Amino acid sequence: ARYAAFLGGGIVVASYVFETLRLLSAPLRGWESASVFALQKAGMSLSGEIHPGPIMLLLGLTMVFMVAAAMAMDRRDLTD
């Protein structure tokens, strides 16, 4: 559980740092598709349009991580 927490926290921190640098640096502004935060913002806009692509990508990533976590827990021996 400790490694999963470190990995999740590391991904969030790295994503936040990347998003901050992307907004501050002109050469990185074109990398919007690589930012998790930009994908989250693209799901809903003020005009009321819903863009299903970014939402489906985040849902897909969530499902992949859930399956990986379930497989890792299934292999673990909890009878100790």
PDB file of N, CA and C in Angstrom:
ATOM      1  N   ALA A   1       0.828  -1.186   0.000  1.00  0.00           N
ATOM      2  CA  ALA A   1       0.000   0.000   0.000  1.00  0.00           C
ATOM      3  C   ALA A   1       0.875   1.254   0.000  1.00  0.00           C
ATOM      4  N   ARG A   2       2.029   1.146   0.642  1.00  0.00           N
ATOM      5  CA  ARG A   2       2.919   2.297   0.705  1.00  0.00           C
ATOM      6  C   ARG A   2       3.420   2.681  -0.689  1.00  0.00           C
ATOM      7  N   TYR A   3       3.758   1.661  -1.488  1.00  0.00           N
ATOM      8  CA  TYR A   3       4.271   1.943  -2.830  1.00  0.00           C
ATOM      9  C   TYR A   3       3.193   2.545  -3.722  1.00  0.00           C
ATOM     10  N   ALA A   4       1.972   2.069  -3.564  1.00  0.00           N
ATOM     11  CA  ALA A   4       0.869   2.627  -4.354  1.00  0.00           C
ATOM     12  C   ALA A   4       0.630   4.090  -3.984  1.00  0.00           C
ATOM     13  N   ALA A   5       0.720   4.404  -2.693  1.00  0.00           N
ATOM     14  CA  ALA A   5       0.543   5.792  -2.256  1.00  0.00           C
ATOM     15  C   ALA A   5       1.667   6.677  -2.792  1.00  0.00           C
ATOM     16  N   PHE A   6       2.901   6.174  -2.741  1.00  0.00           N
ATOM     17  CA  PHE A   6       4.025   6.942  -3.276  1.00  0.00           C
ATOM     18  C   PHE A   6       3.885   7.145  -4.780  1.00  0.00           C
ATOM     19  N   LEU A   7       3.462   6.100  -5.491  1.00  0.00           N
ATOM     20  CA  LEU A   7       3.307   6.205  -6.935  1.00  0.00           C
ATOM     21  C   LEU A   7       2.193   7.188  -7.291  1.00  0.00           C
ATOM     22  N   GLY A   8       1.054   7.062  -6.628  1.00  0.00           N
ATOM     23  CA  GLY A   8      -0.047   7.987  -6.889  1.00  0.00           C
ATOM     24  C   GLY A   8       0.317   9.426  -6.566  1.00  0.00           C
ATOM     25  N   GLY A   9       0.955   9.624  -5.424  1.00  0.00           N
ATOM     26  CA  GLY A   9       1.382  10.971  -5.044  1.00  0.00           C
ATOM     27  C   GLY A   9       2.418  11.529  -5.999  1.00  0.00           C
ATOM     28  N   GLY A  10       3.329  10.678  -6.434  1.00  0.00           N
ATOM     29  CA  GLY A  10       4.355  11.114  -7.382  1.00  0.00           C
ATOM     30  C   GLY A  10       3.763  11.530  -8.716  1.00  0.00           C
ATOM     31  N   ILE A  11       2.758  10.774  -9.178  1.00  0.00           N
ATOM     32  CA  ILE A  11       2.099  11.121 -10.446  1.00  0.00           C
ATOM     33  C   ILE A  11       1.369  12.459 -10.328  1.00  0.00           C
ATOM     34  N   VAL A  12       0.694  12.672  -9.202  1.00  0.00           N
ATOM     35  CA  VAL A  12      -0.038  13.928  -9.014  1.00  0.00           C
ATOM     36  C   VAL A  12       0.929  15.114  -8.945  1.00  0.00           C
ATOM     37  N   VAL A  13       2.001  14.960  -8.184  1.00  0.00           N
ATOM     38  CA  VAL A  13       2.983  16.056  -8.055  1.00  0.00           C
ATOM     39  C   VAL A  13       3.656  16.336  -9.398  1.00  0.00           C
ATOM     40  N   ALA A  14       4.059  15.281 -10.107  1.00  0.00           N
ATOM     41  CA  ALA A  14       4.710  15.471 -11.404  1.00  0.00           C
ATOM     42  C   ALA A  14       3.751  16.125 -12.402  1.00  0.00           C
ATOM     43  N   SER A  15       2.486  15.728 -12.374  1.00  0.00           N
ATOM     44  CA  SER A  15       1.499  16.333 -13.273  1.00  0.00           C
ATOM     45  C   SER A  15       1.293  17.805 -12.947  1.00  0.00           C
ATOM     46  N   TYR A  16       1.248  18.125 -11.662  1.00  0.00           N
ATOM     47  CA  TYR A  16       1.062  19.520 -11.256  1.00  0.00           C
ATOM     48  C   TYR A  16       2.263  20.377 -11.669  1.00  0.00           C
ATOM     49  N   VAL A  17       3.465  19.857 -11.455  1.00  0.00           N
ATOM     50  CA  VAL A  17       4.671  20.605 -11.834  1.00  0.00           C
ATOM     51  C   VAL A  17       4.708  20.798 -13.347  1.00  0.00           C
ATOM     52  N   PHE A  18       4.382  19.739 -14.099  1.00  0.00           N
ATOM     53  CA  PHE A  18       4.369  19.858 -15.560  1.00  0.00           C
ATOM     54  C   PHE A  18       3.344  20.889 -16.013  1.00  0.00           C
ATOM     55  N   GLU A  19       2.146  20.865 -15.431  1.00  0.00           N
ATOM     56  CA  GLU A  19       1.102  21.819 -15.820  1.00  0.00           C
ATOM     57  C   GLU A  19       1.535  23.252 -15.501  1.00  0.00           C
ATOM     58  N   THR A  20       2.162  23.453 -14.358  1.00  0.00           N
ATOM     59  CA  THR A  20       2.635  24.788 -13.991  1.00  0.00           C
ATOM     60  C   THR A  20       3.707  25.268 -14.959  1.00  0.00           C
ATOM     61  N   LEU A  21       4.672  24.398 -15.268  1.00  0.00           N
ATOM     62  CA  LEU A  21       5.719  24.777 -16.220  1.00  0.00           C
ATOM     63  C   LEU A  21       5.137  25.000 -17.616  1.00  0.00           C
ATOM     64  N   ARG A  22       4.145  24.205 -17.985  1.00  0.00           N
ATOM     65  CA  ARG A  22       3.523  24.350 -19.300  1.00  0.00           C
ATOM     66  C   ARG A  22       2.834  25.709 -19.437  1.00  0.00           C
ATOM     67  N   LEU A  23       2.194  26.168 -18.370  1.00  0.00           N
ATOM     68  CA  LEU A  23       1.511  27.457 -18.425  1.00  0.00           C
ATOM     69  C   LEU A  23       2.483  28.632 -18.383  1.00  0.00           C
ATOM     70  N   LEU A  24       3.649  28.440 -17.776  1.00  0.00           N
ATOM     71  CA  LEU A  24       4.625  29.524 -17.653  1.00  0.00           C
ATOM     72  C   LEU A  24       5.601  29.606 -18.819  1.00  0.00           C
ATOM     73  N   SER A  25       5.799  28.508 -19.517  1.00  0.00           N
ATOM     74  CA  SER A  25       6.803  28.453 -20.565  1.00  0.00           C
ATOM     75  C   SER A  25       6.147  28.443 -21.946  1.00  0.00           C
ATOM     76  N   ALA A  26       6.545  29.375 -22.786  1.00  0.00           N
ATOM     77  CA  ALA A  26       5.966  29.466 -24.129  1.00  0.00           C
ATOM     78  C   ALA A  26       6.236  28.220 -24.984  1.00  0.00           C
ATOM     79  N   PRO A  27       7.428  27.633 -24.941  1.00  0.00           N
ATOM     80  CA  PRO A  27       7.659  26.435 -25.771  1.00  0.00           C
ATOM     81  C   PRO A  27       6.828  25.219 -25.342  1.00  0.00           C
ATOM     82  N   LEU A  28       6.415  25.166 -24.095  1.00  0.00           N
ATOM     83  CA  LEU A  28       5.649  24.012 -23.615  1.00  0.00           C
ATOM     84  C   LEU A  28       4.140  24.174 -23.762  1.00  0.00           C
ATOM     85  N   ARG A  29       3.673  25.327 -24.193  1.00  0.00           N
ATOM     86  CA  ARG A  29       2.223  25.548 -24.291  1.00  0.00           C
ATOM     87  C   ARG A  29       1.549  24.634 -25.302  1.00  0.00           C
ATOM     88  N   GLY A  30       2.276  24.178 -26.281  1.00  0.00           N
ATOM     89  CA  GLY A  30       1.711  23.279 -27.281  1.00  0.00           C
ATOM     90  C   GLY A  30       1.539  21.857 -26.777  1.00  0.00           C
ATOM     91  N   TRP A  31       2.025  21.551 -25.602  1.00  0.00           N
ATOM     92  CA  TRP A  31       1.966  20.196 -25.047  1.00  0.00           C
ATOM     93  C   TRP A  31       0.707  19.986 -24.207  1.00  0.00           C
ATOM     94  N   GLU A  32      -0.354  20.669 -24.526  1.00  0.00           N
ATOM     95  CA  GLU A  32      -1.581  20.590 -23.738  1.00  0.00           C
ATOM     96  C   GLU A  32      -2.143  19.171 -23.696  1.00  0.00           C
ATOM     97  N   SER A  33      -1.969  18.409 -24.757  1.00  0.00           N
ATOM     98  CA  SER A  33      -2.527  17.055 -24.795  1.00  0.00           C
ATOM     99  C   SER A  33      -1.799  16.111 -23.841  1.00  0.00           C
ATOM    100  N   ALA A  34      -0.609  16.479 -23.376  1.00  0.00           N
ATOM    101  CA  ALA A  34       0.140  15.620 -22.453  1.00  0.00           C
ATOM    102  C   ALA A  34      -0.168  15.932 -20.996  1.00  0.00           C
ATOM    103  N   SER A  35      -0.963  16.941 -20.735  1.00  0.00           N
ATOM    104  CA  SER A  35      -1.249  17.363 -19.372  1.00  0.00           C
ATOM    105  C   SER A  35      -2.549  16.756 -18.867  1.00  0.00           C
ATOM    106  N   VAL A  36      -2.484  16.091 -17.729  1.00  0.00           N
ATOM    107  CA  VAL A  36      -3.683  15.510 -17.120  1.00  0.00           C
ATOM    108  C   VAL A  36      -4.650  16.619 -16.713  1.00  0.00           C
ATOM    109  N   PHE A  37      -4.146  17.715 -16.210  1.00  0.00           N
ATOM    110  CA  PHE A  37      -5.002  18.816 -15.780  1.00  0.00           C
ATOM    111  C   PHE A  37      -5.694  19.475 -16.966  1.00  0.00           C
ATOM    112  N   ALA A  38      -5.005  19.610 -18.085  1.00  0.00           N
ATOM    113  CA  ALA A  38      -5.625  20.193 -19.272  1.00  0.00           C
ATOM    114  C   ALA A  38      -6.707  19.264 -19.812  1.00  0.00           C
ATOM    115  N   LEU A  39      -6.492  17.952 -19.726  1.00  0.00           N
ATOM    116  CA  LEU A  39      -7.529  17.011 -20.152  1.00  0.00           C
ATOM    117  C   LEU A  39      -8.758  17.132 -19.271  1.00  0.00           C
ATOM    118  N   GLN A  40      -8.562  17.312 -17.990  1.00  0.00           N
ATOM    119  CA  GLN A  40      -9.687  17.433 -17.067  1.00  0.00           C
ATOM    120  C   GLN A  40     -10.468  18.706 -17.366  1.00  0.00           C
ATOM    121  N   LYS A  41      -9.776  19.799 -17.660  1.00  0.00           N
ATOM    122  CA  LYS A  41     -10.445  21.063 -17.963  1.00  0.00           C
ATOM    123  C   LYS A  41     -11.193  21.006 -19.285  1.00  0.00           C
ATOM    124  N   ALA A  42     -10.722  20.176 -20.211  1.00  0.00           N
ATOM    125  CA  ALA A  42     -11.346  20.111 -21.537  1.00  0.00           C
ATOM    126  C   ALA A  42     -12.681  19.384 -21.496  1.00  0.00           C
ATOM    127  N   GLY A  43     -12.971  18.656 -20.447  1.00  0.00           N
ATOM    128  CA  GLY A  43     -14.216  17.911 -20.359  1.00  0.00           C
ATOM    129  C   GLY A  43     -15.430  18.810 -20.281  1.00  0.00           C
ATOM    130  N   MET A  44     -15.340  19.898 -19.605  1.00  0.00           N
ATOM    131  CA  MET A  44     -16.445  20.839 -19.471  1.00  0.00           C
ATOM    132  C   MET A  44     -15.927  22.240 -19.810  1.00  0.00           C
ATOM    133  N   SER A  45     -16.704  22.951 -20.540  1.00  0.00           N
ATOM    134  CA  SER A  45     -16.312  24.322 -20.841  1.00  0.00           C
ATOM    135  C   SER A  45     -17.430  25.263 -20.421  1.00  0.00           C
ATOM    136  N   LEU A  46     -17.137  26.524 -20.374  1.00  0.00           N
ATOM    137  CA  LEU A  46     -18.137  27.506 -19.967  1.00  0.00           C
ATOM    138  C   LEU A  46     -19.257  27.652 -20.984  1.00  0.00           C
ATOM    139  N   SER A  47     -19.017  27.233 -22.202  1.00  0.00           N
ATOM    140  CA  SER A  47     -20.058  27.344 -23.225  1.00  0.00           C
ATOM    141  C   SER A  47     -21.095  26.236 -23.109  1.00  0.00           C
ATOM    142  N   GLY A  48     -20.891  25.289 -22.212  1.00  0.00           N
ATOM    143  CA  GLY A  48     -21.861  24.232 -22.009  1.00  0.00           C
ATOM    144  C   GLY A  48     -21.637  23.015 -22.879  1.00  0.00           C
ATOM    145  N   GLU A  49     -20.595  23.000 -23.688  1.00  0.00           N
ATOM    146  CA  GLU A  49     -20.306  21.849 -24.538  1.00  0.00           C
ATOM    147  C   GLU A  49     -19.560  20.793 -23.732  1.00  0.00           C
ATOM    148  N   ILE A  50     -19.880  19.552 -23.995  1.00  0.00           N
ATOM    149  CA  ILE A  50     -19.174  18.450 -23.358  1.00  0.00           C
ATOM    150  C   ILE A  50     -18.378  17.727 -24.436  1.00  0.00           C
ATOM    151  N   HIS A  51     -17.073  17.629 -24.231  1.00  0.00           N
ATOM    152  CA  HIS A  51     -16.197  16.947 -25.170  1.00  0.00           C
ATOM    153  C   HIS A  51     -15.914  15.549 -24.625  1.00  0.00           C
ATOM    154  N   PRO A  52     -16.433  14.505 -25.249  1.00  0.00           N
ATOM    155  CA  PRO A  52     -16.313  13.162 -24.682  1.00  0.00           C
ATOM    156  C   PRO A  52     -14.909  12.564 -24.761  1.00  0.00           C
ATOM    157  N   GLY A  53     -14.064  13.028 -25.664  1.00  0.00           N
ATOM    158  CA  GLY A  53     -12.730  12.450 -25.824  1.00  0.00           C
ATOM    159  C   GLY A  53     -11.895  12.476 -24.553  1.00  0.00           C
ATOM    160  N   PRO A  54     -11.655  13.649 -23.954  1.00  0.00           N
ATOM    161  CA  PRO A  54     -10.854  13.699 -22.728  1.00  0.00           C
ATOM    162  C   PRO A  54     -11.503  12.948 -21.570  1.00  0.00           C
ATOM    163  N   ILE A  55     -12.810  12.987 -21.487  1.00  0.00           N
ATOM    164  CA  ILE A  55     -13.494  12.287 -20.407  1.00  0.00           C
ATOM    165  C   ILE A  55     -13.287  10.790 -20.559  1.00  0.00           C
ATOM    166  N   MET A  56     -13.426  10.276 -21.773  1.00  0.00           N
ATOM    167  CA  MET A  56     -13.234   8.845 -22.019  1.00  0.00           C
ATOM    168  C   MET A  56     -11.786   8.433 -21.762  1.00  0.00           C
ATOM    169  N   LEU A  57     -10.837   9.307 -22.099  1.00  0.00           N
ATOM    170  CA  LEU A  57      -9.432   8.991 -21.841  1.00  0.00           C
ATOM    171  C   LEU A  57      -9.172   8.857 -20.345  1.00  0.00           C
ATOM    172  N   LEU A  58      -9.685   9.790 -19.551  1.00  0.00           N
ATOM    173  CA  LEU A  58      -9.492   9.712 -18.104  1.00  0.00           C
ATOM    174  C   LEU A  58     -10.212   8.496 -17.519  1.00  0.00           C
ATOM    175  N   LEU A  59     -11.398   8.173 -18.008  1.00  0.00           N
ATOM    176  CA  LEU A  59     -12.100   6.980 -17.544  1.00  0.00           C
ATOM    177  C   LEU A  59     -11.336   5.713 -17.918  1.00  0.00           C
ATOM    178  N   GLY A  60     -10.782   5.697 -19.110  1.00  0.00           N
ATOM    179  CA  GLY A  60      -9.986   4.545 -19.541  1.00  0.00           C
ATOM    180  C   GLY A  60      -8.749   4.354 -18.680  1.00  0.00           C
ATOM    181  N   LEU A  61      -8.051   5.449 -18.393  1.00  0.00           N
ATOM    182  CA  LEU A  61      -6.874   5.362 -17.518  1.00  0.00           C
ATOM    183  C   LEU A  61      -7.258   4.886 -16.120  1.00  0.00           C
ATOM    184  N   THR A  62      -8.390   5.355 -15.627  1.00  0.00           N
ATOM    185  CA  THR A  62      -8.863   4.916 -14.320  1.00  0.00           C
ATOM    186  C   THR A  62      -9.130   3.424 -14.318  1.00  0.00           C
ATOM    187  N   MET A  63      -9.762   2.929 -15.359  1.00  0.00           N
ATOM    188  CA  MET A  63     -10.050   1.494 -15.441  1.00  0.00           C
ATOM    189  C   MET A  63      -8.765   0.667 -15.517  1.00  0.00           C
ATOM    190  N   VAL A  64      -7.784   1.138 -16.288  1.00  0.00           N
ATOM    191  CA  VAL A  64      -6.511   0.418 -16.388  1.00  0.00           C
ATOM    192  C   VAL A  64      -5.840   0.327 -15.022  1.00  0.00           C
ATOM    193  N   PHE A  65      -5.809   1.433 -14.290  1.00  0.00           N
ATOM    194  CA  PHE A  65      -5.178   1.416 -12.970  1.00  0.00           C
ATOM    195  C   PHE A  65      -5.969   0.576 -11.977  1.00  0.00           C
ATOM    196  N   MET A  66      -7.289   0.556 -12.097  1.00  0.00           N
ATOM    197  CA  MET A  66      -8.098  -0.275 -11.202  1.00  0.00           C
ATOM    198  C   MET A  66      -7.842  -1.760 -11.463  1.00  0.00           C
ATOM    199  N   VAL A  67      -7.760  -2.157 -12.720  1.00  0.00           N
ATOM    200  CA  VAL A  67      -7.483  -3.561 -13.053  1.00  0.00           C
ATOM    201  C   VAL A  67      -6.089  -3.947 -12.587  1.00  0.00           C
ATOM    202  N   ALA A  68      -5.115  -3.070 -12.783  1.00  0.00           N
ATOM    203  CA  ALA A  68      -3.755  -3.356 -12.326  1.00  0.00           C
ATOM    204  C   ALA A  68      -3.706  -3.501 -10.809  1.00  0.00           C
ATOM    205  N   ALA A  69      -4.423  -2.649 -10.102  1.00  0.00           N
ATOM    206  CA  ALA A  69      -4.452  -2.747  -8.638  1.00  0.00           C
ATOM    207  C   ALA A  69      -5.137  -4.030  -8.189  1.00  0.00           C
ATOM    208  N   ALA A  70      -6.219  -4.408  -8.857  1.00  0.00           N
ATOM    209  CA  ALA A  70      -6.918  -5.641  -8.502  1.00  0.00           C
ATOM    210  C   ALA A  70      -6.038  -6.853  -8.756  1.00  0.00           C
ATOM    211  N   MET A  71      -5.297  -6.850  -9.841  1.00  0.00           N
ATOM    212  CA  MET A  71      -4.397  -7.968 -10.129  1.00  0.00           C
ATOM    213  C   MET A  71      -3.274  -8.037  -9.104  1.00  0.00           C
ATOM    214  N   ALA A  72      -2.748  -6.890  -8.701  1.00  0.00           N
ATOM    215  CA  ALA A  72      -1.679  -6.879  -7.699  1.00  0.00           C
ATOM    216  C   ALA A  72      -2.190  -7.355  -6.352  1.00  0.00           C
ATOM    217  N   MET A  73      -3.405  -6.992  -5.986  1.00  0.00           N
ATOM    218  CA  MET A  73      -3.968  -7.437  -4.710  1.00  0.00           C
ATOM    219  C   MET A  73      -4.331  -8.920  -4.740  1.00  0.00           C
ATOM    220  N   ASP A  74      -4.725  -9.426  -5.897  1.00  0.00           N
ATOM    221  CA  ASP A  74      -5.090 -10.828  -6.020  1.00  0.00           C
ATOM    222  C   ASP A  74      -3.882 -11.734  -5.812  1.00  0.00           C
ATOM    223  N   ARG A  75      -2.705 -11.292  -6.230  1.00  0.00           N
ATOM    224  CA  ARG A  75      -1.482 -12.086  -6.086  1.00  0.00           C
ATOM    225  C   ARG A  75      -0.921 -12.021  -4.664  1.00  0.00           C
ATOM    226  N   ARG A  76      -1.349 -11.096  -3.891  1.00  0.00           N
ATOM    227  CA  ARG A  76      -0.782 -10.886  -2.568  1.00  0.00           C
ATOM    228  C   ARG A  76      -1.366 -11.875  -1.564  1.00  0.00           C
ATOM    229  N   ASP A  77      -0.515 -12.449  -0.736  1.00  0.00           N
ATOM    230  CA  ASP A  77      -0.958 -13.406   0.285  1.00  0.00           C
ATOM    231  C   ASP A  77      -1.261 -12.648   1.575  1.00  0.00           C
ATOM    232  N   LEU A  78      -2.525 -12.593   1.932  1.00  0.00           N
ATOM    233  CA  LEU A  78      -2.941 -11.841   3.112  1.00  0.00           C
ATOM    234  C   LEU A  78      -3.143 -12.727   4.333  1.00  0.00           C
ATOM    235  N   THR A  79      -2.735 -13.995   4.259  1.00  0.00           N
ATOM    236  CA  THR A  79      -2.956 -14.922   5.366  1.00  0.00           C
ATOM    237  C   THR A  79      -1.846 -14.906   6.405  1.00  0.00           C
ATOM    238  N   ASP A  80      -0.859 -14.103   6.253  1.00  0.00           N
ATOM    239  CA  ASP A  80       0.270 -14.070   7.221  1.00  0.00           C
ATOM    240  C   ASP A  80      -0.160 -13.659   8.583  1.00  0.00           C
TER     241      ASP A  80
END
